[in-house]
Each structure stands twice: as C-alpha cells, then as structure tokens.
Amino acid sequence: PTFSYRGLMIDTARHYLPMNLILHNLDAMAMNKLNILHWHISDSQSFPWETNSYPELAHKGAYHPKQIYTMQDVRTIVHEAYLRGIRVVPEVDMPGHTAAIAKSHPEVTSHCPFPSEPLD
C-alpha cells in the first residue's frame, strides 16, 4: 500500500461502544485494508477502562457501571485486531484531562478556588 498508516479512530471516552460493535469495526477495517485502530479510551469525560491496578477509576469514572471495558475486553480487542493485521494504539489522556479520574482520586487534581477569575 502507498500509505503505511491507514487508520480509524474510535472515541470510547466520549461515546461508549459495545464490544460487538468494536469487533464489527475490526472486520470492516480489515475488509478496507486499514491497519491501525487508534482507540481513544479515556478522557476528562469518562474513564471506562478497568485496570488491575486502579479498578476504582472505571467504577467511578465511567458513564455507567455497565459501560466499562475489562482487561479481558481489551485483550480480546487487541487479539482480534492482531488476527486481522491491525495494530491497536491506545490513547490514555494523562496527566491532563483528569476530571474522570478525580471522581475516584481527587488528590491527583489541583484545586482552583476561583475558577471564574483569571490567573495573573
């Protein structure tokens, strides 16, 4: 192919996608010779990825308790992508864009006492 990076970006931080839809997208990507899945998995709006180290991030930071990707879900997506010749590039927005993280760990964010006033 002329271009080595032929990708698609999905934004599950802002728009939760069920597993079957993500897997269906992988099939469509393979049929169209796309080889990179840029997976925007977390942002200020939500943190729907349940990590082994900090599971509370997803439990408090996802839009809904049923809209969480488990470690097994992530492994399945990466494995199914691999079988189709697709590389998964996860985007975890850190250290910025942490509003969803602050729901379970408020100590990691700075407190601005007067957010409507300019900083001099």
PDB file of N, CA and C in Angstrom:
ATOM      1  N   PRO A   1       0.815  -1.208   0.000  1.00  0.00           N
ATOM      2  CA  PRO A   1       0.000   0.000   0.000  1.00  0.00           C
ATOM      3  C   PRO A   1       0.856   1.268   0.000  1.00  0.00           C
ATOM      4  N   THR A   2       0.325   2.321  -0.549  1.00  0.00           N
ATOM      5  CA  THR A   2       1.040   3.589  -0.625  1.00  0.00           C
ATOM      6  C   THR A   2       1.310   4.167   0.757  1.00  0.00           C
ATOM      7  N   PHE A   3       0.336   4.050   1.640  1.00  0.00           N
ATOM      8  CA  PHE A   3       0.469   4.629   2.973  1.00  0.00           C
ATOM      9  C   PHE A   3       0.610   3.528   4.018  1.00  0.00           C
ATOM     10  N   SER A   4       1.626   3.645   4.869  1.00  0.00           N
ATOM     11  CA  SER A   4       1.846   2.610   5.883  1.00  0.00           C
ATOM     12  C   SER A   4       0.863   2.749   7.050  1.00  0.00           C
ATOM     13  N   TYR A   5       0.384   3.956   7.292  1.00  0.00           N
ATOM     14  CA  TYR A   5      -0.581   4.188   8.370  1.00  0.00           C
ATOM     15  C   TYR A   5      -1.949   4.423   7.744  1.00  0.00           C
ATOM     16  N   ARG A   6      -2.804   3.418   7.860  1.00  0.00           N
ATOM     17  CA  ARG A   6      -4.166   3.517   7.318  1.00  0.00           C
ATOM     18  C   ARG A   6      -5.105   3.209   8.473  1.00  0.00           C
ATOM     19  N   GLY A   7      -5.558   4.263   9.147  1.00  0.00           N
ATOM     20  CA  GLY A   7      -6.220   4.021  10.411  1.00  0.00           C
ATOM     21  C   GLY A   7      -7.616   4.575  10.569  1.00  0.00           C
ATOM     22  N   LEU A   8      -8.186   4.166  11.682  1.00  0.00           N
ATOM     23  CA  LEU A   8      -9.506   4.596  12.116  1.00  0.00           C
ATOM     24  C   LEU A   8      -9.393   4.905  13.602  1.00  0.00           C
ATOM     25  N   MET A   9     -10.049   5.994  14.028  1.00  0.00           N
ATOM     26  CA  MET A   9     -10.035   6.349  15.437  1.00  0.00           C
ATOM     27  C   MET A   9     -11.436   6.154  16.001  1.00  0.00           C
ATOM     28  N   ILE A  10     -11.511   5.466  17.148  1.00  0.00           N
ATOM     29  CA  ILE A  10     -12.773   5.374  17.877  1.00  0.00           C
ATOM     30  C   ILE A  10     -12.581   6.070  19.216  1.00  0.00           C
ATOM     31  N   ASP A  11     -13.609   6.773  19.658  1.00  0.00           N
ATOM     32  CA  ASP A  11     -13.526   7.569  20.881  1.00  0.00           C
ATOM     33  C   ASP A  11     -14.515   7.021  21.899  1.00  0.00           C
ATOM     34  N   THR A  12     -14.086   5.989  22.626  1.00  0.00           N
ATOM     35  CA  THR A  12     -14.964   5.391  23.633  1.00  0.00           C
ATOM     36  C   THR A  12     -14.920   6.162  24.944  1.00  0.00           C
ATOM     37  N   ALA A  13     -14.058   7.163  25.033  1.00  0.00           N
ATOM     38  CA  ALA A  13     -14.055   8.018  26.215  1.00  0.00           C
ATOM     39  C   ALA A  13     -15.303   8.898  26.220  1.00  0.00           C
ATOM     40  N   ARG A  14     -15.721   9.326  25.060  1.00  0.00           N
ATOM     41  CA  ARG A  14     -16.889  10.201  24.955  1.00  0.00           C
ATOM     42  C   ARG A  14     -18.146   9.471  24.490  1.00  0.00           C
ATOM     43  N   HIS A  15     -17.967   8.362  23.795  1.00  0.00           N
ATOM     44  CA  HIS A  15     -19.103   7.614  23.249  1.00  0.00           C
ATOM     45  C   HIS A  15     -18.835   6.127  23.445  1.00  0.00           C
ATOM     46  N   TYR A  16     -19.426   5.553  24.475  1.00  0.00           N
ATOM     47  CA  TYR A  16     -19.207   4.137  24.745  1.00  0.00           C
ATOM     48  C   TYR A  16     -19.691   3.297  23.558  1.00  0.00           C
ATOM     49  N   LEU A  17     -18.864   2.351  23.146  1.00  0.00           N
ATOM     50  CA  LEU A  17     -19.219   1.421  22.078  1.00  0.00           C
ATOM     51  C   LEU A  17     -19.218   0.005  22.662  1.00  0.00           C
ATOM     52  N   PRO A  18     -20.284  -0.754  22.450  1.00  0.00           N
ATOM     53  CA  PRO A  18     -20.287  -2.129  22.946  1.00  0.00           C
ATOM     54  C   PRO A  18     -19.236  -2.973  22.226  1.00  0.00           C
ATOM     55  N   MET A  19     -18.801  -4.021  22.898  1.00  0.00           N
ATOM     56  CA  MET A  19     -17.756  -4.893  22.352  1.00  0.00           C
ATOM     57  C   MET A  19     -18.085  -5.395  20.953  1.00  0.00           C
ATOM     58  N   ASN A  20     -19.318  -5.853  20.736  1.00  0.00           N
ATOM     59  CA  ASN A  20     -19.649  -6.414  19.425  1.00  0.00           C
ATOM     60  C   ASN A  20     -19.502  -5.374  18.315  1.00  0.00           C
ATOM     61  N   LEU A  21     -19.753  -4.095  18.613  1.00  0.00           N
ATOM     62  CA  LEU A  21     -19.591  -3.058  17.600  1.00  0.00           C
ATOM     63  C   LEU A  21     -18.110  -2.802  17.308  1.00  0.00           C
ATOM     64  N   ILE A  22     -17.282  -2.829  18.339  1.00  0.00           N
ATOM     65  CA  ILE A  22     -15.841  -2.653  18.120  1.00  0.00           C
ATOM     66  C   ILE A  22     -15.296  -3.809  17.281  1.00  0.00           C
ATOM     67  N   LEU A  23     -15.703  -5.035  17.597  1.00  0.00           N
ATOM     68  CA  LEU A  23     -15.250  -6.202  16.820  1.00  0.00           C
ATOM     69  C   LEU A  23     -15.771  -6.138  15.389  1.00  0.00           C
ATOM     70  N   HIS A  24     -16.980  -5.649  15.203  1.00  0.00           N
ATOM     71  CA  HIS A  24     -17.536  -5.474  13.852  1.00  0.00           C
ATOM     72  C   HIS A  24     -16.719  -4.429  13.087  1.00  0.00           C
ATOM     73  N   ASN A  25     -16.300  -3.371  13.791  1.00  0.00           N
ATOM     74  CA  ASN A  25     -15.444  -2.358  13.162  1.00  0.00           C
ATOM     75  C   ASN A  25     -14.117  -2.960  12.715  1.00  0.00           C
ATOM     76  N   LEU A  26     -13.568  -3.881  13.510  1.00  0.00           N
ATOM     77  CA  LEU A  26     -12.316  -4.534  13.115  1.00  0.00           C
ATOM     78  C   LEU A  26     -12.503  -5.307  11.806  1.00  0.00           C
ATOM     79  N   ASP A  27     -13.631  -5.995  11.666  1.00  0.00           N
ATOM     80  CA  ASP A  27     -13.916  -6.703  10.411  1.00  0.00           C
ATOM     81  C   ASP A  27     -13.976  -5.727   9.241  1.00  0.00           C
ATOM     82  N   ALA A  28     -14.680  -4.610   9.445  1.00  0.00           N
ATOM     83  CA  ALA A  28     -14.802  -3.605   8.382  1.00  0.00           C
ATOM     84  C   ALA A  28     -13.454  -2.990   8.045  1.00  0.00           C
ATOM     85  N   MET A  29     -12.627  -2.767   9.080  1.00  0.00           N
ATOM     86  CA  MET A  29     -11.292  -2.227   8.836  1.00  0.00           C
ATOM     87  C   MET A  29     -10.461  -3.187   7.994  1.00  0.00           C
ATOM     88  N   ALA A  30     -10.511  -4.466   8.335  1.00  0.00           N
ATOM     89  CA  ALA A  30      -9.732  -5.455   7.585  1.00  0.00           C
ATOM     90  C   ALA A  30     -10.198  -5.528   6.134  1.00  0.00           C
ATOM     91  N   MET A  31     -11.505  -5.466   5.920  1.00  0.00           N
ATOM     92  CA  MET A  31     -12.036  -5.513   4.547  1.00  0.00           C
ATOM     93  C   MET A  31     -11.587  -4.311   3.724  1.00  0.00           C
ATOM     94  N   ASN A  32     -11.308  -3.185   4.409  1.00  0.00           N
ATOM     95  CA  ASN A  32     -10.891  -1.966   3.711  1.00  0.00           C
ATOM     96  C   ASN A  32      -9.399  -1.693   3.825  1.00  0.00           C
ATOM     97  N   LYS A  33      -8.647  -2.715   4.270  1.00  0.00           N
ATOM     98  CA  LYS A  33      -7.190  -2.670   4.366  1.00  0.00           C
ATOM     99  C   LYS A  33      -6.675  -1.562   5.287  1.00  0.00           C
ATOM    100  N   LEU A  34      -7.441  -1.291   6.351  1.00  0.00           N
ATOM    101  CA  LEU A  34      -6.963  -0.366   7.373  1.00  0.00           C
ATOM    102  C   LEU A  34      -6.155  -1.167   8.387  1.00  0.00           C
ATOM    103  N   ASN A  35      -5.062  -0.593   8.867  1.00  0.00           N
ATOM    104  CA  ASN A  35      -4.162  -1.379   9.715  1.00  0.00           C
ATOM    105  C   ASN A  35      -3.889  -0.791  11.096  1.00  0.00           C
ATOM    106  N   ILE A  36      -4.496   0.337  11.438  1.00  0.00           N
ATOM    107  CA  ILE A  36      -4.288   0.953  12.749  1.00  0.00           C
ATOM    108  C   ILE A  36      -5.644   1.309  13.349  1.00  0.00           C
ATOM    109  N   LEU A  37      -5.883   0.842  14.572  1.00  0.00           N
ATOM    110  CA  LEU A  37      -7.049   1.267  15.335  1.00  0.00           C
ATOM    111  C   LEU A  37      -6.556   2.171  16.450  1.00  0.00           C
ATOM    112  N   HIS A  38      -6.816   3.453  16.305  1.00  0.00           N
ATOM    113  CA  HIS A  38      -6.478   4.430  17.346  1.00  0.00           C
ATOM    114  C   HIS A  38      -7.664   4.443  18.309  1.00  0.00           C
ATOM    115  N   TRP A  39      -7.444   3.914  19.504  1.00  0.00           N
ATOM    116  CA  TRP A  39      -8.523   3.745  20.479  1.00  0.00           C
ATOM    117  C   TRP A  39      -8.382   4.791  21.575  1.00  0.00           C
ATOM    118  N   HIS A  40      -9.199   5.832  21.467  1.00  0.00           N
ATOM    119  CA  HIS A  40      -9.214   6.892  22.471  1.00  0.00           C
ATOM    120  C   HIS A  40     -10.065   6.389  23.636  1.00  0.00           C
ATOM    121  N   ILE A  41      -9.413   5.778  24.610  1.00  0.00           N
ATOM    122  CA  ILE A  41     -10.124   5.014  25.634  1.00  0.00           C
ATOM    123  C   ILE A  41     -10.442   5.823  26.890  1.00  0.00           C
ATOM    124  N   SER A  42      -9.752   6.936  27.130  1.00  0.00           N
ATOM    125  CA  SER A  42     -10.069   7.732  28.318  1.00  0.00           C
ATOM    126  C   SER A  42      -9.873   9.207  28.040  1.00  0.00           C
ATOM    127  N   ASP A  43     -10.622  10.018  28.771  1.00  0.00           N
ATOM    128  CA  ASP A  43     -10.522  11.471  28.656  1.00  0.00           C
ATOM    129  C   ASP A  43     -11.175  12.073  29.883  1.00  0.00           C
ATOM    130  N   SER A  44     -11.340  13.380  29.885  1.00  0.00           N
ATOM    131  CA  SER A  44     -11.979  14.047  31.017  1.00  0.00           C
ATOM    132  C   SER A  44     -13.405  13.564  31.241  1.00  0.00           C
ATOM    133  N   GLN A  45     -14.096  13.247  30.155  1.00  0.00           N
ATOM    134  CA  GLN A  45     -15.498  12.883  30.267  1.00  0.00           C
ATOM    135  C   GLN A  45     -15.711  11.529  30.942  1.00  0.00           C
ATOM    136  N   SER A  46     -14.867  10.574  30.656  1.00  0.00           N
ATOM    137  CA  SER A  46     -15.035   9.254  31.270  1.00  0.00           C
ATOM    138  C   SER A  46     -13.729   8.465  31.242  1.00  0.00           C
ATOM    139  N   PHE A  47     -13.669   7.487  32.132  1.00  0.00           N
ATOM    140  CA  PHE A  47     -12.546   6.553  32.199  1.00  0.00           C
ATOM    141  C   PHE A  47     -13.155   5.150  32.245  1.00  0.00           C
ATOM    142  N   PRO A  48     -13.546   4.604  31.074  1.00  0.00           N
ATOM    143  CA  PRO A  48     -14.281   3.337  31.055  1.00  0.00           C
ATOM    144  C   PRO A  48     -13.416   2.073  31.038  1.00  0.00           C
ATOM    145  N   TRP A  49     -12.145   2.201  31.309  1.00  0.00           N
ATOM    146  CA  TRP A  49     -11.226   1.063  31.240  1.00  0.00           C
ATOM    147  C   TRP A  49     -10.886   0.617  32.659  1.00  0.00           C
ATOM    148  N   GLU A  50     -11.247  -0.612  32.989  1.00  0.00           N
ATOM    149  CA  GLU A  50     -10.998  -1.168  34.310  1.00  0.00           C
ATOM    150  C   GLU A  50      -9.608  -1.786  34.339  1.00  0.00           C
ATOM    151  N   THR A  51      -8.686  -1.098  34.987  1.00  0.00           N
ATOM    152  CA  THR A  51      -7.321  -1.613  35.093  1.00  0.00           C
ATOM    153  C   THR A  51      -7.196  -2.484  36.331  1.00  0.00           C
ATOM    154  N   ASN A  52      -6.227  -3.362  36.343  1.00  0.00           N
ATOM    155  CA  ASN A  52      -5.985  -4.198  37.515  1.00  0.00           C
ATOM    156  C   ASN A  52      -5.480  -3.363  38.687  1.00  0.00           C
ATOM    157  N   SER A  53      -4.672  -2.350  38.396  1.00  0.00           N
ATOM    158  CA  SER A  53      -4.062  -1.542  39.447  1.00  0.00           C
ATOM    159  C   SER A  53      -5.049  -0.591  40.118  1.00  0.00           C
ATOM    160  N   TYR A  54      -5.926   0.014  39.315  1.00  0.00           N
ATOM    161  CA  TYR A  54      -6.850   1.018  39.839  1.00  0.00           C
ATOM    162  C   TYR A  54      -8.258   0.790  39.301  1.00  0.00           C
ATOM    163  N   PRO A  55      -8.922  -0.282  39.708  1.00  0.00           N
ATOM    164  CA  PRO A  55     -10.262  -0.567  39.178  1.00  0.00           C
ATOM    165  C   PRO A  55     -11.285   0.513  39.519  1.00  0.00           C
ATOM    166  N   GLU A  56     -11.040   1.256  40.606  1.00  0.00           N
ATOM    167  CA  GLU A  56     -11.989   2.297  41.003  1.00  0.00           C
ATOM    168  C   GLU A  56     -12.077   3.436  39.990  1.00  0.00           C
ATOM    169  N   LEU A  57     -11.036   3.606  39.175  1.00  0.00           N
ATOM    170  CA  LEU A  57     -11.094   4.643  38.141  1.00  0.00           C
ATOM    171  C   LEU A  57     -12.274   4.413  37.213  1.00  0.00           C
ATOM    172  N   ALA A  58     -12.463   3.189  36.776  1.00  0.00           N
ATOM    173  CA  ALA A  58     -13.577   2.877  35.887  1.00  0.00           C
ATOM    174  C   ALA A  58     -14.896   2.860  36.637  1.00  0.00           C
ATOM    175  N   HIS A  59     -14.886   2.328  37.831  1.00  0.00           N
ATOM    176  CA  HIS A  59     -16.142   2.201  38.577  1.00  0.00           C
ATOM    177  C   HIS A  59     -16.740   3.558  38.925  1.00  0.00           C
ATOM    178  N   LYS A  60     -15.884   4.552  39.139  1.00  0.00           N
ATOM    179  CA  LYS A  60     -16.383   5.891  39.442  1.00  0.00           C
ATOM    180  C   LYS A  60     -16.277   6.841  38.255  1.00  0.00           C
ATOM    181  N   GLY A  61     -15.434   6.508  37.285  1.00  0.00           N
ATOM    182  CA  GLY A  61     -15.184   7.437  36.186  1.00  0.00           C
ATOM    183  C   GLY A  61     -15.898   7.123  34.888  1.00  0.00           C
ATOM    184  N   ALA A  62     -16.509   5.945  34.767  1.00  0.00           N
ATOM    185  CA  ALA A  62     -17.247   5.606  33.534  1.00  0.00           C
ATOM    186  C   ALA A  62     -18.620   6.256  33.563  1.00  0.00           C
ATOM    187  N   TYR A  63     -19.223   6.378  32.391  1.00  0.00           N
ATOM    188  CA  TYR A  63     -20.568   6.944  32.320  1.00  0.00           C
ATOM    189  C   TYR A  63     -21.575   6.125  33.122  1.00  0.00           C
ATOM    190  N   HIS A  64     -21.418   4.828  33.064  1.00  0.00           N
ATOM    191  CA  HIS A  64     -22.360   3.920  33.712  1.00  0.00           C
ATOM    192  C   HIS A  64     -21.590   2.653  34.104  1.00  0.00           C
ATOM    193  N   PRO A  65     -21.959   2.020  35.220  1.00  0.00           N
ATOM    194  CA  PRO A  65     -21.236   0.803  35.634  1.00  0.00           C
ATOM    195  C   PRO A  65     -21.244  -0.320  34.598  1.00  0.00           C
ATOM    196  N   LYS A  66     -22.228  -0.325  33.704  1.00  0.00           N
ATOM    197  CA  LYS A  66     -22.277  -1.366  32.663  1.00  0.00           C
ATOM    198  C   LYS A  66     -21.511  -0.958  31.413  1.00  0.00           C
ATOM    199  N   GLN A  67     -20.960   0.236  31.401  1.00  0.00           N
ATOM    200  CA  GLN A  67     -20.222   0.719  30.233  1.00  0.00           C
ATOM    201  C   GLN A  67     -18.731   0.809  30.563  1.00  0.00           C
ATOM    202  N   ILE A  68     -18.183  -0.358  30.885  1.00  0.00           N
ATOM    203  CA  ILE A  68     -16.775  -0.470  31.271  1.00  0.00           C
ATOM    204  C   ILE A  68     -16.123  -1.569  30.434  1.00  0.00           C
ATOM    205  N   TYR A  69     -14.893  -1.317  30.011  1.00  0.00           N
ATOM    206  CA  TYR A  69     -14.101  -2.339  29.319  1.00  0.00           C
ATOM    207  C   TYR A  69     -13.193  -3.007  30.343  1.00  0.00           C
ATOM    208  N   THR A  70     -13.339  -4.301  30.506  1.00  0.00           N
ATOM    209  CA  THR A  70     -12.490  -5.051  31.430  1.00  0.00           C
ATOM    210  C   THR A  70     -11.143  -5.329  30.764  1.00  0.00           C
ATOM    211  N   MET A  71     -10.201  -5.827  31.544  1.00  0.00           N
ATOM    212  CA  MET A  71      -8.908  -6.201  30.969  1.00  0.00           C
ATOM    213  C   MET A  71      -9.099  -7.300  29.925  1.00  0.00           C
ATOM    214  N   GLN A  72     -10.037  -8.205  30.162  1.00  0.00           N
ATOM    215  CA  GLN A  72     -10.308  -9.265  29.187  1.00  0.00           C
ATOM    216  C   GLN A  72     -10.885  -8.678  27.898  1.00  0.00           C
ATOM    217  N   ASP A  73     -11.736  -7.668  28.003  1.00  0.00           N
ATOM    218  CA  ASP A  73     -12.266  -6.992  26.813  1.00  0.00           C
ATOM    219  C   ASP A  73     -11.131  -6.388  25.994  1.00  0.00           C
ATOM    220  N   VAL A  74     -10.219  -5.719  26.681  1.00  0.00           N
ATOM    221  CA  VAL A  74      -9.081  -5.093  25.992  1.00  0.00           C
ATOM    222  C   VAL A  74      -8.222  -6.168  25.322  1.00  0.00           C
ATOM    223  N   ARG A  75      -7.947  -7.261  26.041  1.00  0.00           N
ATOM    224  CA  ARG A  75      -7.166  -8.357  25.451  1.00  0.00           C
ATOM    225  C   ARG A  75      -7.867  -8.923  24.213  1.00  0.00           C
ATOM    226  N   THR A  76      -9.168  -9.091  24.293  1.00  0.00           N
ATOM    227  CA  THR A  76      -9.935  -9.624  23.155  1.00  0.00           C
ATOM    228  C   THR A  76      -9.831  -8.700  21.954  1.00  0.00           C
ATOM    229  N   ILE A  77     -10.000  -7.415  22.171  1.00  0.00           N
ATOM    230  CA  ILE A  77      -9.925  -6.453  21.059  1.00  0.00           C
ATOM    231  C   ILE A  77      -8.531  -6.472  20.440  1.00  0.00           C
ATOM    232  N   VAL A  78      -7.497  -6.445  21.282  1.00  0.00           N
ATOM    233  CA  VAL A  78      -6.121  -6.456  20.760  1.00  0.00           C
ATOM    234  C   VAL A  78      -5.847  -7.751  20.005  1.00  0.00           C
ATOM    235  N   HIS A  79      -6.289  -8.877  20.541  1.00  0.00           N
ATOM    236  CA  HIS A  79      -6.056 -10.165  19.885  1.00  0.00           C
ATOM    237  C   HIS A  79      -6.809 -10.254  18.553  1.00  0.00           C
ATOM    238  N   GLU A  80      -8.074  -9.868  18.556  1.00  0.00           N
ATOM    239  CA  GLU A  80      -8.864  -9.921  17.315  1.00  0.00           C
ATOM    240  C   GLU A  80      -8.302  -8.958  16.264  1.00  0.00           C
ATOM    241  N   ALA A  81      -7.809  -7.822  16.712  1.00  0.00           N
ATOM    242  CA  ALA A  81      -7.171  -6.890  15.782  1.00  0.00           C
ATOM    243  C   ALA A  81      -5.904  -7.513  15.192  1.00  0.00           C
ATOM    244  N   TYR A  82      -5.109  -8.126  16.039  1.00  0.00           N
ATOM    245  CA  TYR A  82      -3.874  -8.785  15.601  1.00  0.00           C
ATOM    246  C   TYR A  82      -4.162  -9.839  14.525  1.00  0.00           C
ATOM    247  N   LEU A  83      -5.208 -10.617  14.740  1.00  0.00           N
ATOM    248  CA  LEU A  83      -5.559 -11.654  13.758  1.00  0.00           C
ATOM    249  C   LEU A  83      -5.930 -11.067  12.396  1.00  0.00           C
ATOM    250  N   ARG A  84      -6.322  -9.809  12.378  1.00  0.00           N
ATOM    251  CA  ARG A  84      -6.719  -9.136  11.141  1.00  0.00           C
ATOM    252  C   ARG A  84      -5.617  -8.216  10.604  1.00  0.00           C
ATOM    253  N   GLY A  85      -4.444  -8.247  11.236  1.00  0.00           N
ATOM    254  CA  GLY A  85      -3.337  -7.402  10.784  1.00  0.00           C
ATOM    255  C   GLY A  85      -3.502  -5.950  11.181  1.00  0.00           C
ATOM    256  N   ILE A  86      -4.203  -5.713  12.291  1.00  0.00           N
ATOM    257  CA  ILE A  86      -4.472  -4.359  12.757  1.00  0.00           C
ATOM    258  C   ILE A  86      -3.740  -4.133  14.075  1.00  0.00           C
ATOM    259  N   ARG A  87      -3.043  -3.019  14.162  1.00  0.00           N
ATOM    260  CA  ARG A  87      -2.362  -2.634  15.394  1.00  0.00           C
ATOM    261  C   ARG A  87      -3.288  -1.708  16.186  1.00  0.00           C
ATOM    262  N   VAL A  88      -3.422  -1.961  17.482  1.00  0.00           N
ATOM    263  CA  VAL A  88      -4.230  -1.104  18.354  1.00  0.00           C
ATOM    264  C   VAL A  88      -3.302  -0.112  19.044  1.00  0.00           C
ATOM    265  N   VAL A  89      -3.604   1.167  18.880  1.00  0.00           N
ATOM    266  CA  VAL A  89      -2.844   2.225  19.529  1.00  0.00           C
ATOM    267  C   VAL A  89      -3.774   2.877  20.550  1.00  0.00           C
ATOM    268  N   PRO A  90      -3.600   2.539  21.840  1.00  0.00           N
ATOM    269  CA  PRO A  90      -4.483   3.120  22.849  1.00  0.00           C
ATOM    270  C   PRO A  90      -4.059   4.545  23.205  1.00  0.00           C
ATOM    271  N   GLU A  91      -5.038   5.385  23.442  1.00  0.00           N
ATOM    272  CA  GLU A  91      -4.762   6.743  23.905  1.00  0.00           C
ATOM    273  C   GLU A  91      -5.388   6.903  25.286  1.00  0.00           C
ATOM    274  N   VAL A  92      -4.535   7.039  26.284  1.00  0.00           N
ATOM    275  CA  VAL A  92      -4.974   7.278  27.657  1.00  0.00           C
ATOM    276  C   VAL A  92      -4.480   8.670  28.003  1.00  0.00           C
ATOM    277  N   ASP A  93      -5.390   9.604  28.125  1.00  0.00           N
ATOM    278  CA  ASP A  93      -5.009  11.004  28.349  1.00  0.00           C
ATOM    279  C   ASP A  93      -4.583  11.239  29.789  1.00  0.00           C
ATOM    280  N   MET A  94      -3.285  11.248  29.980  1.00  0.00           N
ATOM    281  CA  MET A  94      -2.680  11.505  31.294  1.00  0.00           C
ATOM    282  C   MET A  94      -1.433  12.336  31.052  1.00  0.00           C
ATOM    283  N   PRO A  95      -1.050  13.255  31.859  1.00  0.00           N
ATOM    284  CA  PRO A  95      -1.642  13.619  33.133  1.00  0.00           C
ATOM    285  C   PRO A  95      -2.781  14.623  33.015  1.00  0.00           C
ATOM    286  N   GLY A  96      -2.989  15.192  31.832  1.00  0.00           N
ATOM    287  CA  GLY A  96      -4.104  16.123  31.666  1.00  0.00           C
ATOM    288  C   GLY A  96      -5.409  15.389  31.478  1.00  0.00           C
ATOM    289  N   HIS A  97      -6.479  16.128  31.309  1.00  0.00           N
ATOM    290  CA  HIS A  97      -7.808  15.562  31.065  1.00  0.00           C
ATOM    291  C   HIS A  97      -8.181  14.563  32.158  1.00  0.00           C
ATOM    292  N   THR A  98      -8.119  14.993  33.398  1.00  0.00           N
ATOM    293  CA  THR A  98      -8.272  14.058  34.509  1.00  0.00           C
ATOM    294  C   THR A  98      -9.566  14.217  35.301  1.00  0.00           C
ATOM    295  N   ALA A  99     -10.558  14.896  34.781  1.00  0.00           N
ATOM    296  CA  ALA A  99     -11.804  15.082  35.541  1.00  0.00           C
ATOM    297  C   ALA A  99     -12.430  13.741  35.924  1.00  0.00           C
ATOM    298  N   ALA A 100     -12.413  12.761  35.030  1.00  0.00           N
ATOM    299  CA  ALA A 100     -12.990  11.450  35.340  1.00  0.00           C
ATOM    300  C   ALA A 100     -12.171  10.727  36.406  1.00  0.00           C
ATOM    301  N   ILE A 101     -10.865  10.921  36.398  1.00  0.00           N
ATOM    302  CA  ILE A 101     -10.001  10.288  37.391  1.00  0.00           C
ATOM    303  C   ILE A 101     -10.232  10.910  38.767  1.00  0.00           C
ATOM    304  N   ALA A 102     -10.506  12.220  38.790  1.00  0.00           N
ATOM    305  CA  ALA A 102     -10.719  12.919  40.059  1.00  0.00           C
ATOM    306  C   ALA A 102     -11.947  12.412  40.803  1.00  0.00           C
ATOM    307  N   LYS A 103     -12.848  11.740  40.110  1.00  0.00           N
ATOM    308  CA  LYS A 103     -14.024  11.197  40.794  1.00  0.00           C
ATOM    309  C   LYS A 103     -13.640  10.118  41.799  1.00  0.00           C
ATOM    310  N   SER A 104     -12.569   9.385  41.523  1.00  0.00           N
ATOM    311  CA  SER A 104     -12.118   8.359  42.465  1.00  0.00           C
ATOM    312  C   SER A 104     -10.849   8.767  43.206  1.00  0.00           C
ATOM    313  N   HIS A 105     -10.089   9.698  42.643  1.00  0.00           N
ATOM    314  CA  HIS A 105      -8.838  10.149  43.264  1.00  0.00           C
ATOM    315  C   HIS A 105      -8.739  11.674  43.206  1.00  0.00           C
ATOM    316  N   PRO A 106      -9.510  12.384  44.014  1.00  0.00           N
ATOM    317  CA  PRO A 106      -9.470  13.846  43.964  1.00  0.00           C
ATOM    318  C   PRO A 106      -8.112  14.437  44.338  1.00  0.00           C
ATOM    319  N   GLU A 107      -7.294  13.656  45.007  1.00  0.00           N
ATOM    320  CA  GLU A 107      -5.985  14.158  45.439  1.00  0.00           C
ATOM    321  C   GLU A 107      -5.011  14.370  44.276  1.00  0.00           C
ATOM    322  N   VAL A 108      -5.299  13.838  43.100  1.00  0.00           N
ATOM    323  CA  VAL A 108      -4.365  13.987  41.972  1.00  0.00           C
ATOM    324  C   VAL A 108      -4.639  15.221  41.134  1.00  0.00           C
ATOM    325  N   THR A 109      -5.693  15.941  41.445  1.00  0.00           N
ATOM    326  CA  THR A 109      -6.005  17.146  40.672  1.00  0.00           C
ATOM    327  C   THR A 109      -5.773  18.381  41.525  1.00  0.00           C
ATOM    328  N   SER A 110      -5.507  19.482  40.865  1.00  0.00           N
ATOM    329  CA  SER A 110      -5.308  20.729  41.595  1.00  0.00           C
ATOM    330  C   SER A 110      -6.655  21.400  41.830  1.00  0.00           C
ATOM    331  N   HIS A 111      -6.728  22.119  42.904  1.00  0.00           N
ATOM    332  CA  HIS A 111      -7.960  22.813  43.256  1.00  0.00           C
ATOM    333  C   HIS A 111      -7.807  24.287  42.919  1.00  0.00           C
ATOM    334  N   CYS A 112      -8.716  24.800  42.131  1.00  0.00           N
ATOM    335  CA  CYS A 112      -8.706  26.204  41.768  1.00  0.00           C
ATOM    336  C   CYS A 112      -9.835  26.876  42.557  1.00  0.00           C
ATOM    337  N   PRO A 113      -9.512  27.688  43.571  1.00  0.00           N
ATOM    338  CA  PRO A 113     -10.557  28.247  44.424  1.00  0.00           C
ATOM    339  C   PRO A 113     -11.491  29.222  43.713  1.00  0.00           C
ATOM    340  N   PHE A 114     -11.016  29.907  42.692  1.00  0.00           N
ATOM    341  CA  PHE A 114     -11.837  30.880  41.977  1.00  0.00           C
ATOM    342  C   PHE A 114     -11.739  30.628  40.467  1.00  0.00           C
ATOM    343  N   PRO A 115     -12.424  29.586  39.968  1.00  0.00           N
ATOM    344  CA  PRO A 115     -12.246  29.202  38.558  1.00  0.00           C
ATOM    345  C   PRO A 115     -12.716  30.253  37.553  1.00  0.00           C
ATOM    346  N   SER A 116     -13.584  31.178  37.982  1.00  0.00           N
ATOM    347  CA  SER A 116     -14.080  32.169  37.035  1.00  0.00           C
ATOM    348  C   SER A 116     -13.170  33.389  36.921  1.00  0.00           C
ATOM    349  N   GLU A 117     -12.197  33.497  37.831  1.00  0.00           N
ATOM    350  CA  GLU A 117     -11.292  34.633  37.792  1.00  0.00           C
ATOM    351  C   GLU A 117     -10.010  34.281  37.029  1.00  0.00           C
ATOM    352  N   PRO A 118      -9.458  35.237  36.282  1.00  0.00           N
ATOM    353  CA  PRO A 118      -8.212  34.952  35.546  1.00  0.00           C
ATOM    354  C   PRO A 118      -7.037  34.774  36.500  1.00  0.00           C
ATOM    355  N   LEU A 119      -6.081  33.963  36.070  1.00  0.00           N
ATOM    356  CA  LEU A 119      -4.843  33.776  36.824  1.00  0.00           C
ATOM    357  C   LEU A 119      -3.854  34.840  36.395  1.00  0.00           C
ATOM    358  N   ASP A 120      -3.288  35.550  37.324  1.00  0.00           N
ATOM    359  CA  ASP A 120      -2.330  36.627  36.980  1.00  0.00           C
ATOM    360  C   ASP A 120      -0.913  36.166  37.133  1.00  0.00           C
TER     361      ASP A 120
END
